[in-house]
């Protein structure tokens, strides 16, 4: 099912430490019995800075990570850390999952996006008594009695 999960984003963009960078969060995709979970590593993010979008067979996660002090009236003598960094990741999602009932949560620096699996035509249990009667009726139709010396046969 998940051989088709393709990363669309490359690594970090090249540049020196003072340039703004596009961070690419690491991701794990795990399968549970009832769902598929995408787990993104996003330490330090605020819930209101995360954007999760689903469409056209893709899952896009992006946002902004505030990493430093406010820019106010501070006079930086030297700065390698950007006060904020953008991050983003775009992945394909398999068609076997429900794209409508997705849930997402953030806990301990991990963004987890839960896709329930689509109901794939499970066999419904038939009333055992009706099933037994049906089978007995089919067996009766299949059985014919023949006598050993029957001239008709």
C-alpha atoms as a PDB file:
ATOM      1  CA  UNK A   1       0.000   0.000   0.000  1.00  0.00           C
ATOM      2  CA  UNK A   2       2.727   2.471   0.883  1.00  0.00           C
ATOM      3  CA  UNK A   3       5.233   1.895  -1.868  1.00  0.00           C
ATOM      4  CA  UNK A   4       3.525   4.903  -3.474  1.00  0.00           C
ATOM      5  CA  UNK A   5       4.206   7.339  -0.602  1.00  0.00           C
ATOM      6  CA  UNK A   6       6.518   9.809  -2.284  1.00  0.00           C
ATOM      7  CA  UNK A   7       8.276  12.804  -0.748  1.00  0.00           C
ATOM      8  CA  UNK A   8       7.914  15.874  -2.936  1.00  0.00           C
ATOM      9  CA  UNK A   9      10.219  18.166  -0.954  1.00  0.00           C
ATOM     10  CA  UNK A  10      13.990  18.040  -1.238  1.00  0.00           C
ATOM     11  CA  UNK A  11      16.267  18.702   1.727  1.00  0.00           C
ATOM     12  CA  UNK A  12      17.174  21.999   3.308  1.00  0.00           C
ATOM     13  CA  UNK A  13      17.835  24.806   0.914  1.00  0.00           C
ATOM     14  CA  UNK A  14      21.510  25.703   0.423  1.00  0.00           C
ATOM     15  CA  UNK A  15      22.955  28.867   1.862  1.00  0.00           C
ATOM     16  CA  UNK A  16      24.953  30.322   4.715  1.00  0.00           C
ATOM     17  CA  UNK A  17      23.726  30.206   8.337  1.00  0.00           C
ATOM     18  CA  UNK A  18      22.268  33.718   8.278  1.00  0.00           C
ATOM     19  CA  UNK A  19      19.971  33.091   5.291  1.00  0.00           C
ATOM     20  CA  UNK A  20      16.370  32.123   5.897  1.00  0.00           C
ATOM     21  CA  UNK A  21      15.932  28.387   5.379  1.00  0.00           C
ATOM     22  CA  UNK A  22      13.035  26.168   4.543  1.00  0.00           C
ATOM     23  CA  UNK A  23      13.161  23.365   7.084  1.00  0.00           C
ATOM     24  CA  UNK A  24      11.890  19.955   6.022  1.00  0.00           C
ATOM     25  CA  UNK A  25      10.498  18.014   8.980  1.00  0.00           C
ATOM     26  CA  UNK A  26      11.337  14.336   9.167  1.00  0.00           C
ATOM     27  CA  UNK A  27       8.357  12.027   8.828  1.00  0.00           C
ATOM     28  CA  UNK A  28       7.403   8.458   9.676  1.00  0.00           C
ATOM     29  CA  UNK A  29       4.366   6.749   8.177  1.00  0.00           C
ATOM     30  CA  UNK A  30       2.953   3.941  10.292  1.00  0.00           C
ATOM     31  CA  UNK A  31       0.050   1.589   9.780  1.00  0.00           C
ATOM     32  CA  UNK A  32      -2.273   0.621  12.613  1.00  0.00           C
ATOM     33  CA  UNK A  33      -5.226  -1.733  12.310  1.00  0.00           C
ATOM     34  CA  UNK A  34      -7.793   1.001  11.615  1.00  0.00           C
ATOM     35  CA  UNK A  35      -5.675   3.929  10.431  1.00  0.00           C
ATOM     36  CA  UNK A  36      -2.527   5.259   8.792  1.00  0.00           C
ATOM     37  CA  UNK A  37      -0.569   7.816  10.829  1.00  0.00           C
ATOM     38  CA  UNK A  38       1.882  10.367   9.453  1.00  0.00           C
ATOM     39  CA  UNK A  39       4.218  11.517  12.248  1.00  0.00           C
ATOM     40  CA  UNK A  40       6.180  14.727  11.616  1.00  0.00           C
ATOM     41  CA  UNK A  41       9.086  15.823  13.789  1.00  0.00           C
ATOM     42  CA  UNK A  42       8.444  19.514  14.543  1.00  0.00           C
ATOM     43  CA  UNK A  43      10.037  20.437  17.882  1.00  0.00           C
ATOM     44  CA  UNK A  44       9.112  23.802  19.332  1.00  0.00           C
ATOM     45  CA  UNK A  45       6.131  24.562  17.119  1.00  0.00           C
ATOM     46  CA  UNK A  46       3.053  26.344  18.349  1.00  0.00           C
ATOM     47  CA  UNK A  47      -0.284  24.792  17.427  1.00  0.00           C
ATOM     48  CA  UNK A  48      -1.513  27.998  15.769  1.00  0.00           C
ATOM     49  CA  UNK A  49       1.561  28.085  13.487  1.00  0.00           C
ATOM     50  CA  UNK A  50       0.859  24.714  11.826  1.00  0.00           C
ATOM     51  CA  UNK A  51      -1.010  24.408   8.543  1.00  0.00           C
ATOM     52  CA  UNK A  52      -2.179  20.953   7.419  1.00  0.00           C
ATOM     53  CA  UNK A  53      -3.816  20.677   3.995  1.00  0.00           C
ATOM     54  CA  UNK A  54      -5.106  17.637   2.128  1.00  0.00           C
ATOM     55  CA  UNK A  55      -6.001  17.676  -1.536  1.00  0.00           C
ATOM     56  CA  UNK A  56      -5.313  16.034  -4.883  1.00  0.00           C
ATOM     57  CA  UNK A  57      -3.809  12.967  -3.221  1.00  0.00           C
ATOM     58  CA  UNK A  58      -1.280  14.959  -1.197  1.00  0.00           C
ATOM     59  CA  UNK A  59      -0.691  15.953   2.404  1.00  0.00           C
ATOM     60  CA  UNK A  60       0.981  19.321   2.902  1.00  0.00           C
ATOM     61  CA  UNK A  61       2.312  20.452   6.270  1.00  0.00           C
ATOM     62  CA  UNK A  62       3.838  23.898   6.626  1.00  0.00           C
ATOM     63  CA  UNK A  63       4.179  26.724   9.053  1.00  0.00           C
ATOM     64  CA  UNK A  64       6.560  28.975  10.878  1.00  0.00           C
ATOM     65  CA  UNK A  65       8.808  28.167  13.826  1.00  0.00           C
ATOM     66  CA  UNK A  66       9.623  31.067  16.131  1.00  0.00           C
ATOM     67  CA  UNK A  67      13.136  30.397  17.388  1.00  0.00           C
ATOM     68  CA  UNK A  68      14.426  33.503  19.083  1.00  0.00           C
ATOM     69  CA  UNK A  69      13.746  36.725  20.874  1.00  0.00           C
ATOM     70  CA  UNK A  70      11.344  39.248  19.418  1.00  0.00           C
ATOM     71  CA  UNK A  71      12.935  41.619  16.884  1.00  0.00           C
ATOM     72  CA  UNK A  72      11.804  44.770  18.739  1.00  0.00           C
ATOM     73  CA  UNK A  73      14.532  47.229  19.804  1.00  0.00           C
ATOM     74  CA  UNK A  74      17.319  44.676  20.088  1.00  0.00           C
ATOM     75  CA  UNK A  75      20.655  45.433  18.484  1.00  0.00           C
ATOM     76  CA  UNK A  76      22.151  42.102  17.452  1.00  0.00           C
ATOM     77  CA  UNK A  77      25.944  42.156  17.400  1.00  0.00           C
ATOM     78  CA  UNK A  78      26.080  38.766  15.678  1.00  0.00           C
ATOM     79  CA  UNK A  79      23.239  36.514  14.575  1.00  0.00           C
ATOM     80  CA  UNK A  80      23.239  33.025  13.069  1.00  0.00           C
ATOM     81  CA  UNK A  81      19.824  31.941  14.284  1.00  0.00           C
ATOM     82  CA  UNK A  82      16.931  33.383  12.366  1.00  0.00           C
ATOM     83  CA  UNK A  83      14.179  34.667  14.659  1.00  0.00           C
ATOM     84  CA  UNK A  84      11.758  32.505  12.702  1.00  0.00           C
ATOM     85  CA  UNK A  85      12.075  29.693  10.206  1.00  0.00           C
ATOM     86  CA  UNK A  86       9.599  28.356   7.724  1.00  0.00           C
ATOM     87  CA  UNK A  87       9.112  24.633   7.440  1.00  0.00           C
ATOM     88  CA  UNK A  88       7.180  22.499   5.026  1.00  0.00           C
ATOM     89  CA  UNK A  89       6.688  19.027   3.658  1.00  0.00           C
ATOM     90  CA  UNK A  90       4.543  17.693   0.834  1.00  0.00           C
ATOM     91  CA  UNK A  91       3.818  13.955   0.625  1.00  0.00           C
ATOM     92  CA  UNK A  92       1.557  11.768  -1.443  1.00  0.00           C
ATOM     93  CA  UNK A  93      -1.169   9.870   0.365  1.00  0.00           C
ATOM     94  CA  UNK A  94      -2.510   6.503  -0.770  1.00  0.00           C
ATOM     95  CA  UNK A  95      -6.046   6.262  -2.136  1.00  0.00           C
ATOM     96  CA  UNK A  96      -6.840   3.486   0.393  1.00  0.00           C
ATOM     97  CA  UNK A  97      -7.349   6.039   3.191  1.00  0.00           C
ATOM     98  CA  UNK A  98     -10.332   8.250   4.007  1.00  0.00           C
ATOM     99  CA  UNK A  99      -9.382  11.815   3.063  1.00  0.00           C
ATOM    100  CA  UNK A 100     -12.482  13.325   4.687  1.00  0.00           C
ATOM    101  CA  UNK A 101     -12.259  12.193   8.340  1.00  0.00           C
ATOM    102  CA  UNK A 102      -8.656  13.145   9.050  1.00  0.00           C
ATOM    103  CA  UNK A 103      -7.539  14.230  12.518  1.00  0.00           C
ATOM    104  CA  UNK A 104      -4.319  15.974  13.533  1.00  0.00           C
ATOM    105  CA  UNK A 105      -2.732  16.674  16.896  1.00  0.00           C
ATOM    106  CA  UNK A 106       0.578  17.960  18.276  1.00  0.00           C
ATOM    107  CA  UNK A 107       2.236  16.365  21.283  1.00  0.00           C
ATOM    108  CA  UNK A 108       5.849  16.447  22.511  1.00  0.00           C
ATOM    109  CA  UNK A 109       7.182  18.029  19.319  1.00  0.00           C
ATOM    110  CA  UNK A 110       5.396  15.556  17.046  1.00  0.00           C
ATOM    111  CA  UNK A 111       2.601  16.430  14.652  1.00  0.00           C
ATOM    112  CA  UNK A 112       0.456  13.346  14.063  1.00  0.00           C
ATOM    113  CA  UNK A 113      -1.992  13.213  11.170  1.00  0.00           C
ATOM    114  CA  UNK A 114      -4.419  10.282  11.429  1.00  0.00           C
ATOM    115  CA  UNK A 115      -6.060   8.932   8.259  1.00  0.00           C
ATOM    116  CA  UNK A 116      -8.751   6.294   8.891  1.00  0.00           C
ATOM    117  CA  UNK A 117      -8.612   3.394   6.463  1.00  0.00           C
ATOM    118  CA  UNK A 118     -11.474   3.191   4.001  1.00  0.00           C
ATOM    119  CA  UNK A 119     -13.966   0.409   4.540  1.00  0.00           C
ATOM    120  CA  UNK A 120     -12.903  -2.032   1.841  1.00  0.00           C
ATOM    121  CA  UNK A 121     -15.984  -4.189   1.528  1.00  0.00           C
ATOM    122  CA  UNK A 122     -15.822  -6.365   4.607  1.00  0.00           C
ATOM    123  CA  UNK A 123     -17.978  -9.482   4.554  1.00  0.00           C
ATOM    124  CA  UNK A 124     -21.042  -9.033   6.707  1.00  0.00           C
ATOM    125  CA  UNK A 125     -21.980 -11.897   9.005  1.00  0.00           C
ATOM    126  CA  UNK A 126     -25.154 -13.690   7.949  1.00  0.00           C
ATOM    127  CA  UNK A 127     -27.636 -14.921  10.496  1.00  0.00           C
ATOM    128  CA  UNK A 128     -26.239 -18.401  11.268  1.00  0.00           C
ATOM    129  CA  UNK A 129     -29.688 -20.038  11.374  1.00  0.00           C
ATOM    130  CA  UNK A 130     -30.689 -18.632   7.969  1.00  0.00           C
ATOM    131  CA  UNK A 131     -27.302 -19.585   6.570  1.00  0.00           C
ATOM    132  CA  UNK A 132     -27.694 -23.162   7.857  1.00  0.00           C
ATOM    133  CA  UNK A 133     -31.220 -23.444   6.394  1.00  0.00           C
ATOM    134  CA  UNK A 134     -29.962 -22.132   3.075  1.00  0.00           C
ATOM    135  CA  UNK A 135     -27.113 -24.649   3.025  1.00  0.00           C
ATOM    136  CA  UNK A 136     -29.463 -27.514   3.936  1.00  0.00           C
ATOM    137  CA  UNK A 137     -31.833 -26.518   1.136  1.00  0.00           C
ATOM    138  CA  UNK A 138     -28.952 -26.567  -1.348  1.00  0.00           C
ATOM    139  CA  UNK A 139     -27.799 -29.965  -0.091  1.00  0.00           C
ATOM    140  CA  UNK A 140     -31.327 -31.394  -0.438  1.00  0.00           C
ATOM    141  CA  UNK A 141     -31.521 -30.140  -4.024  1.00  0.00           C
ATOM    142  CA  UNK A 142     -28.174 -31.703  -4.852  1.00  0.00           C
ATOM    143  CA  UNK A 143     -29.032 -35.133  -3.400  1.00  0.00           C
ATOM    144  CA  UNK A 144     -31.106 -37.531  -5.434  1.00  0.00           C
ATOM    145  CA  UNK A 145     -31.916 -41.025  -4.320  1.00  0.00           C
ATOM    146  CA  UNK A 146     -31.159 -43.854  -6.660  1.00  0.00           C
ATOM    147  CA  UNK A 147     -31.819 -47.482  -6.046  1.00  0.00           C
ATOM    148  CA  UNK A 148     -29.217 -49.965  -7.125  1.00  0.00           C
ATOM    149  CA  UNK A 149     -31.238 -51.880  -9.678  1.00  0.00           C
ATOM    150  CA  UNK A 150     -33.293 -49.001 -11.003  1.00  0.00           C
ATOM    151  CA  UNK A 151     -33.910 -49.664 -14.731  1.00  0.00           C
ATOM    152  CA  UNK A 152     -34.309 -45.931 -15.423  1.00  0.00           C
ATOM    153  CA  UNK A 153     -30.681 -45.299 -14.585  1.00  0.00           C
END
